[in-house]
Amino acid sequence: MAGPHVLTIVIPALNEEEAIGDTLRRTREARAFICANSPVSDVDIVVVSDGSTDRTEEIAKTFDDVTVLVFEKNRGYGAAIKCGFEHGRGDLVSFLDADGTCDPKTFAELCRVLEEQQVDLAPGSRMGADSELTARQPPLVEHILPQRFLPGAQRTAAGRERFGCRPRRPRVR
């Protein structure tokens, strides 16, 4: 089912040395599944180490096919996601927590929804009744990208279990 799209998965990380290696292995392994089950032909992975003081950056850099961006000081989750979107090469963008709580294979469904329903945004939540968490942390708030990251995105597909979107490239200020 692979198609013309490239999906960028941004993984913001702050002191995630315990989890980042496994999260990256699982995300890399999910590439084939995503491409086979969605209109995506390639998956671009970008880690943004957001002021980490542990080995997060060092571990992420051991994966040759992963782009690693580094903030010397913590700039926040949103800034890390935005930076990853700006540096990713995908025409579809998404983000995944570094702690490994979500299955990256679910991006296949979100990418299908974007294409089939011709929407700009497919939000997801770890709090839904049918959400499946794969790691140790409790559910957090919905992953909904602020409008400032996607100016003009208006059509959404609600009720999905992860997050994916078509980017409206932000202007560099």
N, C-alpha and C. Protein backbone atom coordinates (compact mmCIF):
# COMPACT_ATOMS: atom_id res chain seq x y z
N MET A 1 0.81 -1.20 0.00
CA MET A 1 0.00 0.00 0.00
C MET A 1 0.85 1.26 0.00
N ALA A 2 2.16 1.12 0.04
CA ALA A 2 3.04 2.28 0.10
C ALA A 2 2.69 3.27 -0.99
N GLY A 3 2.85 4.53 -0.66
CA GLY A 3 2.49 5.58 -1.60
C GLY A 3 3.55 6.65 -1.67
N PRO A 4 3.12 7.84 -2.05
CA PRO A 4 4.06 8.91 -2.31
C PRO A 4 4.52 9.69 -1.09
N HIS A 5 4.01 9.38 0.08
CA HIS A 5 4.29 10.21 1.26
C HIS A 5 5.51 9.75 2.04
N VAL A 6 6.16 10.72 2.67
CA VAL A 6 7.22 10.45 3.64
C VAL A 6 6.70 10.94 4.99
N LEU A 7 6.77 10.08 5.99
CA LEU A 7 6.32 10.41 7.34
C LEU A 7 7.54 10.73 8.20
N THR A 8 7.54 11.91 8.81
CA THR A 8 8.55 12.24 9.80
C THR A 8 7.97 11.98 11.18
N ILE A 9 8.68 11.20 11.98
CA ILE A 9 8.31 10.97 13.38
C ILE A 9 9.33 11.69 14.24
N VAL A 10 8.87 12.70 14.97
CA VAL A 10 9.73 13.46 15.86
C VAL A 10 9.61 12.86 17.27
N ILE A 11 10.76 12.65 17.89
CA ILE A 11 10.78 12.10 19.24
C ILE A 11 11.51 13.10 20.14
N PRO A 12 10.74 13.96 20.84
CA PRO A 12 11.39 14.88 21.78
C PRO A 12 11.85 14.09 23.01
N ALA A 13 13.04 14.40 23.50
CA ALA A 13 13.58 13.59 24.60
C ALA A 13 14.32 14.47 25.60
N LEU A 14 13.98 14.32 26.85
CA LEU A 14 14.68 15.01 27.94
C LEU A 14 15.08 13.95 28.96
N ASN A 15 16.37 13.68 29.03
CA ASN A 15 16.91 12.71 29.99
C ASN A 15 16.19 11.37 29.92
N GLU A 16 16.19 10.79 28.73
CA GLU A 16 15.50 9.52 28.47
C GLU A 16 16.48 8.38 28.17
N GLU A 17 17.66 8.40 28.79
CA GLU A 17 18.66 7.38 28.49
C GLU A 17 18.15 5.96 28.76
N GLU A 18 17.25 5.79 29.70
CA GLU A 18 16.73 4.47 30.02
C GLU A 18 15.81 3.93 28.93
N ALA A 19 15.14 4.81 28.18
CA ALA A 19 14.12 4.37 27.23
C ALA A 19 14.43 4.65 25.77
N ILE A 20 15.28 5.62 25.46
CA ILE A 20 15.43 6.08 24.08
C ILE A 20 15.91 4.98 23.14
N GLY A 21 16.81 4.14 23.58
CA GLY A 21 17.31 3.06 22.72
C GLY A 21 16.20 2.12 22.28
N ASP A 22 15.40 1.66 23.23
CA ASP A 22 14.30 0.76 22.92
C ASP A 22 13.24 1.45 22.06
N THR A 23 12.94 2.70 22.37
CA THR A 23 11.95 3.45 21.57
C THR A 23 12.42 3.59 20.13
N LEU A 24 13.69 3.88 19.93
CA LEU A 24 14.22 3.99 18.57
C LEU A 24 14.24 2.65 17.85
N ARG A 25 14.59 1.58 18.54
CA ARG A 25 14.56 0.24 17.92
C ARG A 25 13.13 -0.09 17.47
N ARG A 26 12.17 0.13 18.33
CA ARG A 26 10.77 -0.16 17.99
C ARG A 26 10.28 0.72 16.84
N THR A 27 10.68 1.97 16.83
CA THR A 27 10.25 2.89 15.77
C THR A 27 10.88 2.48 14.44
N ARG A 28 12.15 2.12 14.45
CA ARG A 28 12.81 1.66 13.22
C ARG A 28 12.16 0.37 12.72
N GLU A 29 11.84 -0.54 13.63
CA GLU A 29 11.19 -1.80 13.24
C GLU A 29 9.79 -1.55 12.68
N ALA A 30 9.13 -0.49 13.11
CA ALA A 30 7.77 -0.18 12.65
C ALA A 30 7.75 0.39 11.23
N ARG A 31 8.88 0.82 10.72
CA ARG A 31 8.94 1.43 9.38
C ARG A 31 8.28 0.55 8.31
N ALA A 32 8.68 -0.70 8.25
CA ALA A 32 8.15 -1.60 7.21
C ALA A 32 6.64 -1.76 7.35
N PHE A 33 6.16 -1.88 8.58
CA PHE A 33 4.71 -2.01 8.81
C PHE A 33 3.98 -0.75 8.36
N ILE A 34 4.50 0.40 8.72
CA ILE A 34 3.86 1.67 8.34
C ILE A 34 3.80 1.79 6.82
N CYS A 35 4.90 1.49 6.15
CA CYS A 35 4.94 1.59 4.68
C CYS A 35 4.01 0.57 4.02
N ALA A 36 3.91 -0.60 4.58
CA ALA A 36 3.06 -1.65 3.98
C ALA A 36 1.57 -1.41 4.22
N ASN A 37 1.24 -0.63 5.24
CA ASN A 37 -0.16 -0.48 5.63
C ASN A 37 -0.68 0.95 5.58
N SER A 38 -0.01 1.79 4.80
CA SER A 38 -0.44 3.19 4.69
C SER A 38 0.10 3.76 3.37
N PRO A 39 -0.30 4.99 3.05
CA PRO A 39 0.21 5.62 1.84
C PRO A 39 1.59 6.27 2.03
N VAL A 40 2.41 5.66 2.87
CA VAL A 40 3.74 6.17 3.18
C VAL A 40 4.79 5.27 2.53
N SER A 41 5.76 5.89 1.85
CA SER A 41 6.82 5.12 1.21
C SER A 41 8.12 5.12 2.02
N ASP A 42 8.24 6.06 2.96
CA ASP A 42 9.45 6.12 3.78
C ASP A 42 9.12 6.79 5.11
N VAL A 43 9.88 6.43 6.14
CA VAL A 43 9.70 7.01 7.47
C VAL A 43 11.02 7.63 7.90
N ASP A 44 10.96 8.90 8.23
CA ASP A 44 12.09 9.71 8.68
C ASP A 44 11.97 9.86 10.20
N ILE A 45 13.02 9.53 10.95
CA ILE A 45 12.97 9.61 12.41
C ILE A 45 13.92 10.72 12.87
N VAL A 46 13.37 11.63 13.69
CA VAL A 46 14.15 12.76 14.21
C VAL A 46 14.02 12.78 15.73
N VAL A 47 15.14 12.70 16.43
CA VAL A 47 15.16 12.83 17.88
C VAL A 47 15.65 14.24 18.21
N VAL A 48 14.95 14.91 19.11
CA VAL A 48 15.40 16.21 19.60
C VAL A 48 15.72 16.05 21.08
N SER A 49 17.01 16.08 21.40
CA SER A 49 17.43 16.01 22.80
C SER A 49 17.29 17.42 23.37
N ASP A 50 16.33 17.58 24.25
CA ASP A 50 15.92 18.89 24.74
C ASP A 50 16.63 19.27 26.04
N GLY A 51 17.94 19.51 25.94
CA GLY A 51 18.71 19.88 27.13
C GLY A 51 19.07 18.72 28.02
N SER A 52 19.07 17.52 27.47
CA SER A 52 19.39 16.33 28.28
C SER A 52 20.78 16.44 28.90
N THR A 53 20.88 15.98 30.14
CA THR A 53 22.16 15.97 30.83
C THR A 53 22.66 14.55 31.06
N ASP A 54 21.95 13.58 30.52
CA ASP A 54 22.35 12.18 30.65
C ASP A 54 22.88 11.70 29.30
N ARG A 55 22.78 10.42 29.00
CA ARG A 55 23.32 9.84 27.77
C ARG A 55 22.31 9.77 26.62
N THR A 56 21.19 10.47 26.71
CA THR A 56 20.15 10.43 25.68
C THR A 56 20.74 10.70 24.30
N GLU A 57 21.46 11.80 24.16
CA GLU A 57 22.05 12.17 22.86
C GLU A 57 23.02 11.10 22.37
N GLU A 58 23.90 10.65 23.23
CA GLU A 58 24.90 9.64 22.87
C GLU A 58 24.23 8.36 22.37
N ILE A 59 23.20 7.90 23.07
CA ILE A 59 22.51 6.67 22.67
C ILE A 59 21.79 6.87 21.35
N ALA A 60 21.09 7.99 21.20
CA ALA A 60 20.36 8.25 19.94
C ALA A 60 21.30 8.31 18.75
N LYS A 61 22.48 8.84 18.94
CA LYS A 61 23.44 8.98 17.84
C LYS A 61 24.03 7.64 17.40
N THR A 62 23.80 6.56 18.14
CA THR A 62 24.30 5.25 17.71
C THR A 62 23.44 4.67 16.60
N PHE A 63 22.29 5.27 16.31
CA PHE A 63 21.41 4.82 15.23
C PHE A 63 21.70 5.67 13.99
N ASP A 64 22.41 5.07 13.03
CA ASP A 64 22.87 5.81 11.85
C ASP A 64 21.75 6.43 11.03
N ASP A 65 20.59 5.82 11.01
CA ASP A 65 19.50 6.30 10.17
C ASP A 65 18.52 7.19 10.91
N VAL A 66 18.95 7.74 12.05
CA VAL A 66 18.12 8.64 12.85
C VAL A 66 18.82 10.00 12.91
N THR A 67 18.06 11.07 12.63
CA THR A 67 18.59 12.42 12.76
C THR A 67 18.48 12.83 14.22
N VAL A 68 19.58 13.33 14.78
CA VAL A 68 19.58 13.76 16.18
C VAL A 68 19.90 15.25 16.24
N LEU A 69 18.96 16.01 16.80
CA LEU A 69 19.13 17.44 17.00
C LEU A 69 19.29 17.68 18.50
N VAL A 70 20.08 18.67 18.87
CA VAL A 70 20.38 18.87 20.29
C VAL A 70 20.15 20.32 20.70
N PHE A 71 19.36 20.50 21.75
CA PHE A 71 19.25 21.80 22.42
C PHE A 71 20.20 21.73 23.61
N GLU A 72 21.11 22.67 23.71
CA GLU A 72 22.04 22.69 24.85
C GLU A 72 21.30 22.92 26.17
N LYS A 73 20.24 23.75 26.12
CA LYS A 73 19.42 24.00 27.31
C LYS A 73 18.00 23.57 27.00
N ASN A 74 17.28 23.17 28.03
CA ASN A 74 15.88 22.76 27.86
C ASN A 74 15.04 23.91 27.35
N ARG A 75 14.36 23.68 26.21
CA ARG A 75 13.49 24.70 25.61
C ARG A 75 12.03 24.28 25.66
N GLY A 76 11.76 23.06 26.09
CA GLY A 76 10.38 22.60 26.25
C GLY A 76 9.94 21.64 25.16
N TYR A 77 8.91 20.89 25.50
CA TYR A 77 8.37 19.84 24.63
C TYR A 77 7.90 20.40 23.29
N GLY A 78 7.15 21.48 23.33
CA GLY A 78 6.63 22.08 22.09
C GLY A 78 7.74 22.58 21.19
N ALA A 79 8.75 23.21 21.76
CA ALA A 79 9.88 23.71 20.96
C ALA A 79 10.63 22.55 20.31
N ALA A 80 10.77 21.45 21.04
CA ALA A 80 11.45 20.28 20.48
C ALA A 80 10.65 19.69 19.32
N ILE A 81 9.33 19.60 19.47
CA ILE A 81 8.49 19.08 18.39
C ILE A 81 8.58 19.99 17.17
N LYS A 82 8.44 21.28 17.39
CA LYS A 82 8.48 22.25 16.28
C LYS A 82 9.82 22.17 15.54
N CYS A 83 10.91 22.11 16.28
CA CYS A 83 12.24 22.01 15.67
C CYS A 83 12.36 20.73 14.85
N GLY A 84 11.87 19.63 15.39
CA GLY A 84 11.90 18.37 14.65
C GLY A 84 11.10 18.43 13.37
N PHE A 85 9.92 19.06 13.42
CA PHE A 85 9.11 19.22 12.21
C PHE A 85 9.85 20.04 11.16
N GLU A 86 10.51 21.11 11.61
CA GLU A 86 11.22 21.98 10.68
C GLU A 86 12.40 21.28 10.02
N HIS A 87 13.02 20.34 10.72
CA HIS A 87 14.19 19.64 10.18
C HIS A 87 13.87 18.30 9.53
N GLY A 88 12.67 17.80 9.72
CA GLY A 88 12.29 16.53 9.11
C GLY A 88 12.06 16.71 7.61
N ARG A 89 12.11 15.61 6.89
CA ARG A 89 11.93 15.70 5.44
C ARG A 89 10.56 15.20 4.97
N GLY A 90 9.69 14.84 5.91
CA GLY A 90 8.39 14.31 5.54
C GLY A 90 7.37 15.35 5.14
N ASP A 91 6.45 14.94 4.26
CA ASP A 91 5.30 15.78 3.96
C ASP A 91 4.17 15.47 4.94
N LEU A 92 4.31 14.39 5.71
CA LEU A 92 3.43 14.09 6.84
C LEU A 92 4.32 14.12 8.09
N VAL A 93 3.81 14.71 9.16
CA VAL A 93 4.61 14.80 10.39
C VAL A 93 3.83 14.26 11.57
N SER A 94 4.57 13.77 12.56
CA SER A 94 3.97 13.20 13.76
C SER A 94 4.98 13.31 14.89
N PHE A 95 4.53 12.98 16.09
CA PHE A 95 5.48 12.91 17.19
C PHE A 95 5.14 11.74 18.10
N LEU A 96 6.16 11.30 18.79
CA LEU A 96 6.08 10.10 19.63
C LEU A 96 6.89 10.37 20.89
N ASP A 97 6.32 10.07 22.04
CA ASP A 97 7.06 10.27 23.28
C ASP A 97 8.25 9.32 23.36
N ALA A 98 9.35 9.80 23.91
CA ALA A 98 10.58 9.03 24.00
C ALA A 98 10.51 7.91 25.03
N ASP A 99 9.51 7.97 25.91
CA ASP A 99 9.45 6.99 26.99
C ASP A 99 8.91 5.63 26.57
N GLY A 100 8.49 5.50 25.32
CA GLY A 100 8.06 4.20 24.81
C GLY A 100 6.64 3.81 25.14
N THR A 101 5.81 4.74 25.57
CA THR A 101 4.45 4.39 25.97
C THR A 101 3.51 4.10 24.81
N CYS A 102 3.86 4.54 23.62
CA CYS A 102 2.97 4.34 22.46
C CYS A 102 3.64 3.47 21.41
N ASP A 103 2.84 2.70 20.70
CA ASP A 103 3.33 1.82 19.64
C ASP A 103 3.44 2.62 18.34
N PRO A 104 4.63 2.76 17.78
CA PRO A 104 4.78 3.54 16.54
C PRO A 104 4.05 2.95 15.34
N LYS A 105 3.66 1.68 15.40
CA LYS A 105 2.91 1.09 14.28
C LYS A 105 1.56 1.77 14.07
N THR A 106 1.04 2.42 15.10
CA THR A 106 -0.27 3.06 14.97
C THR A 106 -0.24 4.24 14.00
N PHE A 107 0.94 4.71 13.63
CA PHE A 107 1.01 5.79 12.64
C PHE A 107 0.49 5.33 11.27
N ALA A 108 0.53 4.04 11.01
CA ALA A 108 0.00 3.53 9.74
C ALA A 108 -1.49 3.88 9.61
N GLU A 109 -2.26 3.63 10.66
CA GLU A 109 -3.69 3.95 10.62
C GLU A 109 -3.92 5.45 10.46
N LEU A 110 -3.17 6.25 11.19
CA LEU A 110 -3.36 7.70 11.09
C LEU A 110 -3.04 8.22 9.69
N CYS A 111 -2.00 7.69 9.09
CA CYS A 111 -1.65 8.12 7.72
C CYS A 111 -2.73 7.69 6.73
N ARG A 112 -3.29 6.50 6.93
CA ARG A 112 -4.41 6.05 6.08
C ARG A 112 -5.60 7.00 6.22
N VAL A 113 -5.92 7.37 7.45
CA VAL A 113 -7.05 8.26 7.71
C VAL A 113 -6.83 9.61 7.03
N LEU A 114 -5.63 10.15 7.14
CA LEU A 114 -5.34 11.44 6.50
C LEU A 114 -5.63 11.38 5.01
N GLU A 115 -5.23 10.29 4.39
CA GLU A 115 -5.40 10.13 2.94
C GLU A 115 -6.86 9.83 2.59
N GLU A 116 -7.45 8.86 3.27
CA GLU A 116 -8.82 8.43 2.94
C GLU A 116 -9.85 9.51 3.21
N GLN A 117 -9.70 10.23 4.30
CA GLN A 117 -10.69 11.25 4.66
C GLN A 117 -10.30 12.64 4.18
N GLN A 118 -9.14 12.74 3.55
CA GLN A 118 -8.64 14.02 3.05
C GLN A 118 -8.71 15.12 4.12
N VAL A 119 -8.12 14.80 5.26
CA VAL A 119 -8.07 15.74 6.38
C VAL A 119 -6.64 16.20 6.60
N ASP A 120 -6.50 17.28 7.34
CA ASP A 120 -5.19 17.85 7.62
C ASP A 120 -4.60 17.35 8.94
N LEU A 121 -5.43 16.84 9.82
CA LEU A 121 -4.99 16.51 11.16
C LEU A 121 -5.73 15.28 11.68
N ALA A 122 -4.96 14.35 12.26
CA ALA A 122 -5.56 13.17 12.88
C ALA A 122 -5.04 13.11 14.32
N PRO A 123 -5.78 13.73 15.26
CA PRO A 123 -5.31 13.74 16.65
C PRO A 123 -5.56 12.40 17.34
N GLY A 124 -4.80 12.15 18.37
CA GLY A 124 -4.98 10.92 19.12
C GLY A 124 -4.82 11.16 20.60
N SER A 125 -5.16 10.16 21.38
CA SER A 125 -5.08 10.29 22.82
C SER A 125 -4.67 8.96 23.44
N ARG A 126 -3.89 9.04 24.50
CA ARG A 126 -3.57 7.85 25.27
C ARG A 126 -4.63 7.61 26.34
N MET A 127 -5.64 8.47 26.37
CA MET A 127 -6.66 8.36 27.40
C MET A 127 -7.94 7.68 26.90
N GLY A 128 -8.00 7.35 25.62
CA GLY A 128 -9.19 6.73 25.07
C GLY A 128 -9.44 5.35 25.63
N ALA A 129 -10.69 4.91 25.56
CA ALA A 129 -11.08 3.61 26.11
C ALA A 129 -10.33 2.46 25.44
N ASP A 130 -10.01 2.61 24.14
CA ASP A 130 -9.32 1.53 23.45
C ASP A 130 -7.83 1.81 23.23
N SER A 131 -7.28 2.77 23.95
CA SER A 131 -5.85 3.04 23.88
C SER A 131 -5.08 1.87 24.46
N GLU A 132 -3.92 1.61 23.87
CA GLU A 132 -3.05 0.56 24.39
C GLU A 132 -1.70 1.18 24.72
N LEU A 133 -1.35 1.18 25.98
CA LEU A 133 -0.06 1.68 26.40
C LEU A 133 0.92 0.52 26.44
N THR A 134 2.16 0.77 26.06
CA THR A 134 3.13 -0.31 25.99
C THR A 134 4.23 -0.19 27.02
N ALA A 135 4.20 0.84 27.87
CA ALA A 135 5.28 1.00 28.84
C ALA A 135 4.73 1.42 30.19
N ARG A 136 5.55 2.03 30.96
CA ARG A 136 5.32 2.17 32.38
C ARG A 136 4.58 3.41 32.85
N GLN A 137 4.43 4.43 32.04
CA GLN A 137 3.87 5.68 32.53
C GLN A 137 2.36 5.75 32.37
N PRO A 138 1.69 6.51 33.24
CA PRO A 138 0.24 6.66 33.14
C PRO A 138 -0.13 7.53 31.95
N PRO A 139 -1.37 7.44 31.48
CA PRO A 139 -1.81 8.25 30.36
C PRO A 139 -1.65 9.74 30.64
N LEU A 140 -1.29 10.47 29.64
CA LEU A 140 -1.16 11.92 29.75
C LEU A 140 -2.24 12.59 28.91
N VAL A 141 -2.08 13.85 28.66
CA VAL A 141 -3.08 14.59 27.89
C VAL A 141 -2.99 14.28 26.41
N GLU A 142 -4.04 14.66 25.68
CA GLU A 142 -4.07 14.43 24.24
C GLU A 142 -2.88 15.09 23.56
N HIS A 143 -2.44 14.48 22.50
CA HIS A 143 -1.41 15.05 21.66
C HIS A 143 -2.10 15.80 20.53
N ILE A 144 -2.36 17.05 20.75
CA ILE A 144 -2.97 17.86 19.71
C ILE A 144 -2.03 19.02 19.43
N LEU A 145 -1.63 19.13 18.21
CA LEU A 145 -0.67 20.14 17.82
C LEU A 145 -1.31 21.51 17.83
N PRO A 146 -0.70 22.48 18.50
CA PRO A 146 -1.26 23.83 18.49
C PRO A 146 -1.35 24.40 17.08
N GLN A 147 -2.36 25.19 16.86
CA GLN A 147 -2.62 25.78 15.55
C GLN A 147 -1.39 26.53 15.01
N ARG A 148 -0.58 27.10 15.88
CA ARG A 148 0.57 27.87 15.40
C ARG A 148 1.57 26.99 14.65
N PHE A 149 1.59 25.69 14.90
CA PHE A 149 2.48 24.80 14.17
C PHE A 149 1.93 24.46 12.80
N LEU A 150 0.61 24.49 12.66
CA LEU A 150 -0.03 24.10 11.42
C LEU A 150 -1.02 25.17 10.97
N PRO A 151 -0.54 26.37 10.64
CA PRO A 151 -1.48 27.40 10.23
C PRO A 151 -2.29 26.93 9.04
N GLY A 152 -3.58 27.10 9.11
CA GLY A 152 -4.45 26.71 8.01
C GLY A 152 -5.02 25.31 8.12
N ALA A 153 -4.53 24.50 9.05
CA ALA A 153 -5.08 23.16 9.20
C ALA A 153 -6.45 23.27 9.84
N GLN A 154 -7.47 22.83 9.15
CA GLN A 154 -8.82 22.98 9.66
C GLN A 154 -9.58 21.67 9.73
N ARG A 155 -9.34 20.79 8.80
CA ARG A 155 -10.10 19.54 8.75
C ARG A 155 -9.42 18.49 9.62
N THR A 156 -10.15 17.93 10.57
CA THR A 156 -9.55 16.93 11.45
C THR A 156 -10.31 15.62 11.41
N ALA A 157 -9.61 14.56 11.73
CA ALA A 157 -10.22 13.24 11.89
C ALA A 157 -10.08 12.91 13.37
N ALA A 158 -11.14 12.94 14.10
CA ALA A 158 -11.09 12.76 15.56
C ALA A 158 -11.20 11.28 15.93
N GLY A 159 -10.83 10.99 17.16
CA GLY A 159 -11.04 9.66 17.71
C GLY A 159 -9.94 8.66 17.41
N ARG A 160 -8.83 9.07 16.89
CA ARG A 160 -7.73 8.14 16.62
C ARG A 160 -6.88 8.01 17.86
N GLU A 161 -6.04 6.98 17.88
CA GLU A 161 -5.29 6.69 19.09
C GLU A 161 -3.85 7.18 19.10
N ARG A 162 -3.42 7.81 18.09
CA ARG A 162 -2.10 8.43 18.08
C ARG A 162 -2.21 9.73 17.31
N PHE A 163 -1.10 10.26 16.84
CA PHE A 163 -1.14 11.57 16.21
C PHE A 163 -0.35 11.57 14.91
N GLY A 164 -0.93 12.14 13.90
CA GLY A 164 -0.24 12.35 12.63
C GLY A 164 -0.87 13.54 11.95
N CYS A 165 -0.15 14.22 11.11
CA CYS A 165 -0.74 15.36 10.43
C CYS A 165 0.03 15.69 9.16
N ARG A 166 -0.62 16.48 8.32
CA ARG A 166 0.03 17.06 7.16
C ARG A 166 0.56 18.41 7.62
N PRO A 167 1.83 18.68 7.48
CA PRO A 167 2.35 19.94 8.00
C PRO A 167 2.01 21.11 7.09
N ARG A 168 1.81 22.21 7.69
CA ARG A 168 1.81 23.49 7.00
C ARG A 168 3.11 24.11 7.48
N ARG A 169 4.14 24.05 6.68
CA ARG A 169 5.48 24.44 7.11
C ARG A 169 5.46 25.82 7.77
N PRO A 170 5.95 25.91 9.01
CA PRO A 170 5.98 27.20 9.70
C PRO A 170 6.98 28.14 9.05
N ARG A 171 6.67 29.41 9.10
CA ARG A 171 7.60 30.41 8.59
C ARG A 171 8.71 30.56 9.61
N VAL A 172 9.93 30.71 9.14
CA VAL A 172 11.07 30.94 10.03
C VAL A 172 11.06 32.40 10.40
N ARG A 173 11.08 32.68 11.68
CA ARG A 173 11.03 34.08 12.16
C ARG A 173 12.33 34.48 12.77
